[in-house]
Amino acid sequence: MIEQFINFVIRPPRAEYNPDQYLWEKEFTLAGRTYQRQDLELKNTRGYTLKCSHYLPSPFPEDTSLPCVIYCHGNSGCRADANEAAVILLPSNITVFTLDFSGSGLSDGDYVSLGWHEKDDLKMVVSYLRSNKQISCIGLWGRSMGAVTSLLYGAEDPSIAGMVLDSAFSNLYDLMMELVDVYKIRLPKFTVKMAVQYMRRVIEKKAKFDIMNLNCLQVAPKTFIPVLFGHASDDKFIQPHHSDLISEAYAGDKNVIKFDGDHNSSRPQFFYDSVSIFFYNVLHPPNVPRAHKLEKYYDLGDLKLGSGVDESLLYEILSSLRSASTEAASSSSVLPTISSTKSVSELLSEVAPVTDVVGCLYLLLMLFSFKNFVMFNSFITCNAGVLFWRRY
């Protein structure tokens, strides 16, 4: 039992994945604009190689610098967890950087530390981005362990423009004591406390950090970065009162959003809308003119859509559709899965109940003979009036 708790802290299930299968392509098109995924490696202060990806426009706008949001995954997560963030933020001219923290995903390292060593990994990423003249200001978006990492780092770097903290824990010791009750471990409190002290010594020996130092309530009162807290109301793993406690102690501008779901559930569209608006306000991305014509053709089965089709009409219809039915990778569990090939009618039926607008879109798609499209993470995302799909 004690070994299981130790692994819960420093060696949860590790994400193993193929970047070419689970990340966005090296080049992809979103709403008439082309973007690229740049993969790179950084070395942290402990000598571990960090696998990273940066999503940005292709080509990059001339004589313009763009802001960047660094997405920080959860304790069993990886770079694939940032796929949604890319779709949400790229249309607002905000680039997205993501990494596998040391001990996670494809990066070096044997253990995670729930934010302690991860904040040093994050520091290396921020340093790298600040050396890039194409990047202006920087924001942080973290979930679970990534939220704690962002807050711990933000307390040391007031130049961060804004943070989104989804499901952060207030301090690790209290969380561990709560989980004893959640999982109904029938032991006297004194025995549990002795076991935690034993775990503390083992973890410090193996992973080189003290669990007692993971306390967000100590850094919140001296952190002034604008922050948006998010937490699922039915989260039994990290209960919502953790975000409430951090918010009450937080010194800077703050807002808290609660939503239905649990720790690993997909986040609702209104939360993603709030995140998009928040980062737009704190990062002030420039207004890069949108190209009026697509540079590339979309493969629509038997029909090629290009300069001969009225794109403005197509995007006007698409922009009226707003839904997001996501089955993305959770922040603290398994990797996303790729669904089998499905027809357009099957895809549309999975996105949302049919409305007059969806019905019109369905007729339009049928007219264009869309065939054999597949969904990544089993979703079609409609964000800020943009319908994004991928074909395999």
Protein backbone atom coordinates (compact mmCIF):
# COMPACT_ATOMS: atom_id res chain seq x y z
CA MET A 1 0.00 0.00 0.00
CA ILE A 2 2.78 2.46 0.89
CA GLU A 3 4.61 1.66 -2.33
CA GLN A 4 1.44 2.43 -4.27
CA PHE A 5 1.21 5.84 -2.63
CA ILE A 6 4.87 6.53 -3.34
CA ASN A 7 4.30 5.68 -7.02
CA PHE A 8 1.23 7.91 -7.01
CA VAL A 9 3.53 10.80 -6.20
CA ILE A 10 6.71 10.10 -8.17
CA ARG A 11 5.99 7.31 -10.69
CA PRO A 12 2.42 7.39 -12.04
CA PRO A 13 1.67 5.67 -15.37
CA ARG A 14 3.92 7.18 -18.03
CA ALA A 15 2.61 8.29 -21.41
CA GLU A 16 4.25 6.47 -24.30
CA TYR A 17 3.30 7.76 -27.73
CA ASN A 18 4.38 8.45 -31.30
CA PRO A 19 4.58 12.23 -31.85
CA ASP A 20 3.69 11.87 -35.54
CA GLN A 21 0.50 10.07 -34.58
CA TYR A 22 -0.66 11.90 -31.45
CA LEU A 23 0.46 15.49 -32.07
CA TRP A 24 -0.74 17.83 -34.79
CA GLU A 25 1.07 17.38 -38.09
CA LYS A 26 4.33 19.13 -38.93
CA GLU A 27 2.18 21.40 -41.13
CA PHE A 28 -1.57 21.81 -40.90
CA THR A 29 -4.27 24.26 -41.94
CA LEU A 30 -6.75 25.92 -39.61
CA ALA A 31 -9.41 28.30 -41.00
CA GLY A 32 -7.43 29.16 -44.07
CA ARG A 33 -4.13 29.70 -42.30
CA THR A 34 -1.18 27.38 -42.29
CA TYR A 35 0.61 26.44 -39.07
CA GLN A 36 3.62 24.31 -38.28
CA ARG A 37 4.82 22.14 -35.45
CA GLN A 38 8.47 22.68 -34.62
CA ASP A 39 9.94 19.88 -32.50
CA LEU A 40 13.02 20.61 -30.43
CA GLU A 41 14.99 19.43 -27.43
CA LEU A 42 16.08 21.41 -24.39
CA LYS A 43 18.45 20.36 -21.62
CA ASN A 44 17.43 21.12 -18.02
CA THR A 45 19.78 21.92 -15.15
CA ARG A 46 19.89 18.26 -14.09
CA GLY A 47 21.13 17.23 -17.53
CA TYR A 48 17.86 15.67 -18.71
CA THR A 49 16.70 16.14 -22.29
CA LEU A 50 13.20 17.61 -22.59
CA LYS A 51 11.13 16.83 -25.68
CA CYS A 52 9.28 19.95 -26.79
CA SER A 53 6.99 21.22 -29.56
CA HIS A 54 6.13 24.75 -30.64
CA TYR A 55 3.02 25.50 -32.72
CA LEU A 56 3.28 28.71 -34.72
CA PRO A 57 2.18 30.27 -38.03
CA SER A 58 3.84 29.22 -41.26
CA PRO A 59 5.27 31.41 -42.55
CA PHE A 60 5.78 33.53 -39.46
CA PRO A 61 4.49 37.12 -39.94
CA GLU A 62 7.26 39.49 -41.02
CA ASP A 63 8.37 42.27 -38.66
CA THR A 64 5.96 40.99 -36.01
CA SER A 65 6.41 39.22 -32.69
CA LEU A 66 3.66 37.02 -31.28
CA PRO A 67 2.86 36.02 -27.70
CA CYS A 68 3.19 32.42 -26.55
CA VAL A 69 1.31 30.25 -24.06
CA ILE A 70 3.25 27.35 -22.53
CA TYR A 71 0.96 24.41 -21.83
CA CYS A 72 1.95 22.32 -18.77
CA HIS A 73 0.52 18.79 -18.59
CA GLY A 74 -0.55 16.70 -15.61
CA ASN A 75 1.31 13.96 -13.77
CA SER A 76 0.59 11.21 -16.33
CA GLY A 77 0.33 13.55 -19.29
CA CYS A 78 2.48 14.60 -22.20
CA ARG A 79 2.68 17.06 -25.11
CA ALA A 80 -0.47 15.59 -26.66
CA ASP A 81 -2.50 17.21 -23.88
CA ALA A 82 -1.85 20.58 -25.54
CA ASN A 83 -3.65 19.67 -28.77
CA GLU A 84 -6.82 21.47 -27.69
CA ALA A 85 -4.87 24.51 -26.54
CA ALA A 86 -3.35 24.85 -29.99
CA VAL A 87 -6.74 24.86 -31.68
CA ILE A 88 -8.12 27.36 -29.17
CA LEU A 89 -5.24 29.85 -29.18
CA LEU A 90 -3.64 29.78 -32.64
CA PRO A 91 -6.57 31.57 -34.35
CA SER A 92 -6.00 34.47 -31.91
CA ASN A 93 -2.38 34.84 -33.08
CA ILE A 94 -1.07 33.25 -29.90
CA THR A 95 1.59 30.56 -30.39
CA VAL A 96 1.57 27.45 -28.20
CA PHE A 97 4.62 25.75 -26.69
CA THR A 98 4.38 22.40 -24.95
CA LEU A 99 6.81 19.90 -23.48
CA ASP A 100 7.13 16.53 -21.80
CA PHE A 101 8.37 17.38 -18.32
CA SER A 102 11.34 15.41 -17.02
CA GLY A 103 10.14 11.99 -15.91
CA SER A 104 7.12 12.26 -18.24
CA GLY A 105 6.37 11.20 -21.78
CA LEU A 106 9.42 10.92 -24.02
CA SER A 107 11.70 13.17 -21.96
CA ASP A 108 14.57 11.88 -19.82
CA GLY A 109 14.15 11.16 -16.13
CA ASP A 110 12.70 8.40 -13.99
CA TYR A 111 10.43 10.32 -11.62
CA VAL A 112 7.97 13.20 -11.58
CA SER A 113 7.79 15.59 -8.64
CA LEU A 114 4.28 17.10 -8.95
CA GLY A 115 5.69 20.54 -9.68
CA TRP A 116 8.95 20.83 -7.76
CA HIS A 117 11.49 19.88 -10.45
CA GLU A 118 8.99 20.65 -13.21
CA LYS A 119 9.16 24.35 -12.38
CA ASP A 120 12.88 24.24 -13.28
CA ASP A 121 11.99 22.58 -16.60
CA LEU A 122 9.52 25.40 -17.16
CA LYS A 123 12.23 27.94 -16.41
CA MET A 124 14.36 26.48 -19.21
CA VAL A 125 11.45 26.80 -21.64
CA VAL A 126 10.79 30.41 -20.66
CA SER A 127 14.49 31.22 -21.07
CA TYR A 128 14.48 29.63 -24.51
CA LEU A 129 11.41 31.59 -25.62
CA ARG A 130 12.80 34.87 -24.31
CA SER A 131 15.86 34.37 -26.47
CA ASN A 132 13.57 34.15 -29.51
CA LYS A 133 12.90 37.63 -30.94
CA GLN A 134 9.75 36.36 -32.62
CA ILE A 135 8.10 35.83 -29.22
CA SER A 136 6.75 38.77 -27.23
CA CYS A 137 5.06 38.09 -23.88
CA ILE A 138 4.46 34.69 -22.29
CA GLY A 139 1.49 33.07 -20.55
CA LEU A 140 1.15 29.75 -18.71
CA TRP A 141 -1.67 27.20 -18.87
CA GLY A 142 -1.39 24.24 -16.52
CA ARG A 143 -3.60 21.37 -15.52
CA SER A 144 -3.27 19.43 -12.26
CA MET A 145 0.49 18.98 -11.74
CA GLY A 146 1.02 21.50 -14.54
CA ALA A 147 -1.10 24.07 -12.70
CA VAL A 148 1.03 23.68 -9.56
CA THR A 149 4.17 23.93 -11.69
CA SER A 150 2.92 27.15 -13.28
CA LEU A 151 2.10 28.74 -9.93
CA LEU A 152 5.41 27.75 -8.33
CA TYR A 153 7.29 29.20 -11.29
CA GLY A 154 5.08 32.27 -11.56
CA ALA A 155 5.89 33.18 -7.97
CA GLU A 156 9.54 33.52 -9.08
CA ASP A 157 8.91 35.33 -12.38
CA PRO A 158 6.50 38.29 -12.17
CA SER A 159 7.05 39.07 -15.87
CA ILE A 160 4.68 36.22 -16.86
CA ALA A 161 1.65 37.95 -18.39
CA GLY A 162 -1.07 35.60 -17.14
CA MET A 163 -1.81 32.08 -15.93
CA VAL A 164 -4.67 29.60 -16.29
CA LEU A 165 -4.59 27.09 -13.43
CA ASP A 166 -6.88 24.10 -13.86
CA SER A 167 -7.27 21.80 -10.84
CA ALA A 168 -4.25 22.82 -8.76
CA PHE A 169 -3.80 21.37 -5.27
CA SER A 170 -3.18 23.74 -2.38
CA ASN A 171 -0.50 21.61 -0.72
CA LEU A 172 0.59 18.03 -1.25
CA TYR A 173 0.49 16.89 2.39
CA ASP A 174 -3.17 17.84 2.81
CA LEU A 175 -4.00 16.21 -0.53
CA MET A 176 -2.38 12.95 0.56
CA MET A 177 -4.32 12.96 3.82
CA GLU A 178 -7.56 13.60 1.92
CA LEU A 179 -6.91 10.72 -0.46
CA VAL A 180 -6.65 8.36 2.49
CA ASP A 181 -10.30 9.17 3.23
CA VAL A 182 -11.36 9.15 -0.43
CA TYR A 183 -9.97 5.66 -0.93
CA LYS A 184 -11.33 4.55 2.46
CA ILE A 185 -8.06 3.33 3.93
CA ARG A 186 -9.04 2.00 7.35
CA LEU A 187 -6.11 3.11 9.48
CA PRO A 188 -5.82 5.38 12.52
CA LYS A 189 -4.76 8.94 11.70
CA PHE A 190 -1.60 8.55 13.75
CA THR A 191 -0.59 5.50 11.69
CA VAL A 192 -1.31 7.37 8.45
CA LYS A 193 0.85 10.31 9.55
CA MET A 194 3.70 7.96 10.38
CA ALA A 195 3.34 6.34 6.95
CA VAL A 196 3.44 9.75 5.25
CA GLN A 197 6.66 10.60 7.08
CA TYR A 198 8.16 7.32 5.87
CA MET A 199 7.04 8.13 2.33
CA ARG A 200 8.58 11.58 2.67
CA ARG A 201 12.00 10.08 3.38
CA VAL A 202 11.75 7.53 0.53
CA ILE A 203 10.60 10.15 -1.98
CA GLU A 204 13.33 12.57 -0.95
CA LYS A 205 15.93 9.81 -1.43
CA LYS A 206 14.60 8.66 -4.82
CA ALA A 207 13.28 11.82 -6.46
CA LYS A 208 15.34 14.47 -4.62
CA PHE A 209 12.57 16.71 -3.29
CA ASP A 210 10.67 17.20 -0.05
CA ILE A 211 6.89 16.73 -0.35
CA MET A 212 6.39 19.29 2.42
CA ASN A 213 7.76 22.01 0.13
CA LEU A 214 4.93 21.54 -2.37
CA ASN A 215 2.66 24.16 -0.84
CA CYS A 216 0.90 26.63 -3.14
CA LEU A 217 -0.54 28.49 -0.16
CA GLN A 218 2.95 29.70 0.69
CA VAL A 219 3.58 31.29 -2.72
CA ALA A 220 0.05 32.54 -3.54
CA PRO A 221 0.19 35.58 -1.21
CA LYS A 222 3.29 36.92 -2.99
CA THR A 223 2.21 36.27 -6.58
CA PHE A 224 0.58 39.11 -8.54
CA ILE A 225 0.25 37.67 -12.06
CA PRO A 226 -3.35 37.80 -13.37
CA VAL A 227 -4.81 34.33 -13.00
CA LEU A 228 -7.87 32.34 -14.06
CA PHE A 229 -8.62 29.35 -11.84
CA GLY A 230 -10.67 26.44 -13.14
CA HIS A 231 -11.94 23.40 -11.30
CA ALA A 232 -14.47 20.62 -11.94
CA SER A 233 -17.20 20.59 -9.29
CA ASP A 234 -17.20 16.79 -9.00
CA ASP A 235 -13.43 16.36 -8.82
CA LYS A 236 -12.81 13.74 -6.13
CA PHE A 237 -9.06 13.49 -6.77
CA ILE A 238 -8.18 17.14 -6.17
CA GLN A 239 -11.33 18.57 -4.62
CA PRO A 240 -12.58 22.05 -5.65
CA HIS A 241 -11.81 23.62 -2.29
CA HIS A 242 -8.10 23.46 -3.19
CA SER A 243 -8.59 26.11 -5.89
CA ASP A 244 -10.77 28.11 -3.49
CA LEU A 245 -8.01 28.13 -0.87
CA ILE A 246 -5.37 29.22 -3.37
CA SER A 247 -7.67 31.92 -4.74
CA GLU A 248 -8.38 33.31 -1.28
CA ALA A 249 -4.66 33.58 -0.57
CA TYR A 250 -3.71 34.86 -4.03
CA ALA A 251 -2.44 38.44 -4.17
CA GLY A 252 -3.04 39.29 -7.83
CA ASP A 253 -6.12 39.75 -10.01
CA LYS A 254 -8.03 36.49 -10.09
CA ASN A 255 -11.20 34.77 -11.17
CA VAL A 256 -12.52 31.27 -10.44
CA ILE A 257 -14.63 29.20 -12.82
CA LYS A 258 -16.35 26.00 -11.69
CA PHE A 259 -17.82 23.57 -14.19
CA ASP A 260 -19.41 20.13 -14.32
CA GLY A 261 -17.15 17.10 -14.50
CA ASP A 262 -14.38 15.37 -12.59
CA HIS A 263 -10.60 15.58 -12.53
CA ASN A 264 -10.05 13.92 -15.91
CA SER A 265 -13.20 14.91 -17.76
CA SER A 266 -13.27 17.09 -20.87
CA ARG A 267 -13.64 20.77 -20.14
CA PRO A 268 -16.80 22.55 -21.34
CA GLN A 269 -16.78 25.01 -24.21
CA PHE A 270 -17.56 28.01 -21.99
CA PHE A 271 -14.37 27.34 -20.02
CA TYR A 272 -12.32 27.25 -23.23
CA ASP A 273 -14.03 30.47 -24.34
CA SER A 274 -13.07 32.07 -21.00
CA VAL A 275 -9.48 30.90 -21.41
CA SER A 276 -9.33 32.33 -24.93
CA ILE A 277 -10.68 35.70 -23.80
CA PHE A 278 -8.39 35.75 -20.76
CA PHE A 279 -5.22 35.18 -22.77
CA TYR A 280 -6.33 37.64 -25.45
CA ASN A 281 -6.69 40.32 -22.77
CA VAL A 282 -3.41 39.67 -20.97
CA LEU A 283 -1.19 38.84 -23.96
CA HIS A 284 -2.50 41.49 -26.42
CA PRO A 285 -1.74 39.55 -29.61
CA PRO A 286 -1.32 41.69 -32.75
CA ASN A 287 -3.97 41.75 -35.44
CA VAL A 288 -2.29 39.85 -38.27
CA PRO A 289 -4.29 40.30 -41.52
CA ARG A 290 -6.06 37.15 -42.64
CA ALA A 291 -5.51 35.92 -46.17
CA HIS A 292 -8.75 36.03 -48.13
CA LYS A 293 -7.96 32.95 -50.23
CA LEU A 294 -6.69 29.57 -49.20
CA GLU A 295 -3.18 28.85 -50.29
CA LYS A 296 -3.87 25.14 -50.50
CA TYR A 297 -6.73 22.96 -51.65
CA TYR A 298 -8.70 20.89 -49.17
CA ASP A 299 -9.12 17.27 -50.13
CA LEU A 300 -12.89 16.77 -50.12
CA GLY A 301 -13.12 13.33 -51.65
CA ASP A 302 -14.09 13.73 -55.30
CA LEU A 303 -14.20 17.52 -55.11
CA LYS A 304 -11.33 19.98 -54.67
CA LEU A 305 -12.21 23.16 -52.80
CA GLY A 306 -10.06 26.11 -53.81
CA SER A 307 -10.32 29.42 -55.58
CA GLY A 308 -13.46 28.38 -57.44
CA VAL A 309 -15.54 28.12 -54.29
CA ASP A 310 -16.89 31.01 -52.26
CA GLU A 311 -14.84 30.55 -49.09
CA SER A 312 -16.44 33.49 -47.30
CA LEU A 313 -19.85 31.82 -47.61
CA LEU A 314 -18.44 28.51 -46.39
CA TYR A 315 -16.75 30.11 -43.37
CA GLU A 316 -19.87 32.15 -42.62
CA ILE A 317 -21.85 28.93 -42.38
CA LEU A 318 -19.12 27.22 -40.37
CA SER A 319 -18.78 30.15 -37.99
CA SER A 320 -22.41 29.83 -36.94
CA LEU A 321 -21.78 26.35 -35.62
CA ARG A 322 -20.54 26.40 -32.01
CA SER A 323 -19.99 23.18 -30.17
CA ALA A 324 -17.17 21.14 -28.82
CA SER A 325 -17.62 17.49 -28.00
CA THR A 326 -14.23 16.40 -26.76
CA GLU A 327 -12.81 13.05 -25.66
CA ALA A 328 -9.26 14.37 -25.31
CA ALA A 329 -6.44 12.92 -23.27
CA SER A 330 -6.94 13.65 -19.61
CA SER A 331 -4.35 15.61 -17.70
CA SER A 332 -3.59 12.72 -15.41
CA SER A 333 -4.35 9.51 -17.20
CA VAL A 334 -4.26 7.89 -20.64
CA LEU A 335 -3.30 9.10 -24.07
CA PRO A 336 -5.85 10.17 -26.68
CA THR A 337 -7.16 7.52 -29.01
CA ILE A 338 -7.85 7.80 -32.70
CA SER A 339 -11.28 6.73 -33.86
CA SER A 340 -12.01 4.60 -36.86
CA THR A 341 -13.08 6.11 -40.17
CA LYS A 342 -16.67 7.38 -40.06
CA SER A 343 -19.14 9.01 -42.38
CA VAL A 344 -20.00 12.69 -42.16
CA SER A 345 -23.46 11.93 -40.83
CA GLU A 346 -21.93 9.83 -38.02
CA LEU A 347 -19.46 12.59 -37.16
CA LEU A 348 -22.14 15.26 -37.05
CA SER A 349 -24.40 13.10 -34.89
CA GLU A 350 -21.56 12.81 -32.34
CA VAL A 351 -20.86 16.53 -32.16
CA ALA A 352 -24.24 17.89 -31.06
CA PRO A 353 -28.01 17.52 -31.48
CA VAL A 354 -29.07 18.52 -34.96
CA THR A 355 -30.23 22.12 -35.20
CA ASP A 356 -31.33 24.15 -38.19
CA VAL A 357 -27.75 25.40 -38.60
CA VAL A 358 -26.27 21.94 -38.33
CA GLY A 359 -28.84 20.70 -40.80
CA CYS A 360 -27.77 23.33 -43.30
CA LEU A 361 -24.13 22.40 -42.75
CA TYR A 362 -24.97 18.74 -43.23
CA LEU A 363 -26.62 19.47 -46.57
CA LEU A 364 -23.62 21.55 -47.62
CA LEU A 365 -21.19 18.79 -46.71
CA MET A 366 -23.27 16.18 -48.52
CA LEU A 367 -23.32 18.42 -51.58
CA PHE A 368 -19.52 18.56 -51.51
CA SER A 369 -19.36 14.72 -51.15
CA PHE A 370 -17.21 14.66 -48.05
CA LYS A 371 -15.89 11.12 -47.66
CA ASN A 372 -13.95 9.09 -45.13
CA PHE A 373 -12.98 11.75 -42.63
CA VAL A 374 -11.49 10.75 -39.34
CA MET A 375 -11.53 12.60 -36.05
CA PHE A 376 -8.52 13.16 -33.87
CA ASN A 377 -9.32 12.53 -30.19
CA SER A 378 -12.85 11.69 -31.46
CA PHE A 379 -13.83 15.31 -31.87
CA ILE A 380 -14.55 18.07 -34.28
CA THR A 381 -13.72 21.36 -32.56
CA CYS A 382 -15.63 24.53 -33.23
CA ASN A 383 -13.87 27.41 -31.49
CA ALA A 384 -14.23 31.11 -32.19
CA GLY A 385 -16.23 30.32 -35.29
CA VAL A 386 -13.70 27.85 -36.69
CA LEU A 387 -14.40 24.27 -37.71
CA PHE A 388 -11.18 22.28 -37.74
CA TRP A 389 -10.80 18.80 -39.13
CA ARG A 390 -8.01 16.44 -40.03
CA ARG A 391 -7.87 13.66 -42.56
CA TYR A 392 -5.69 10.53 -42.28
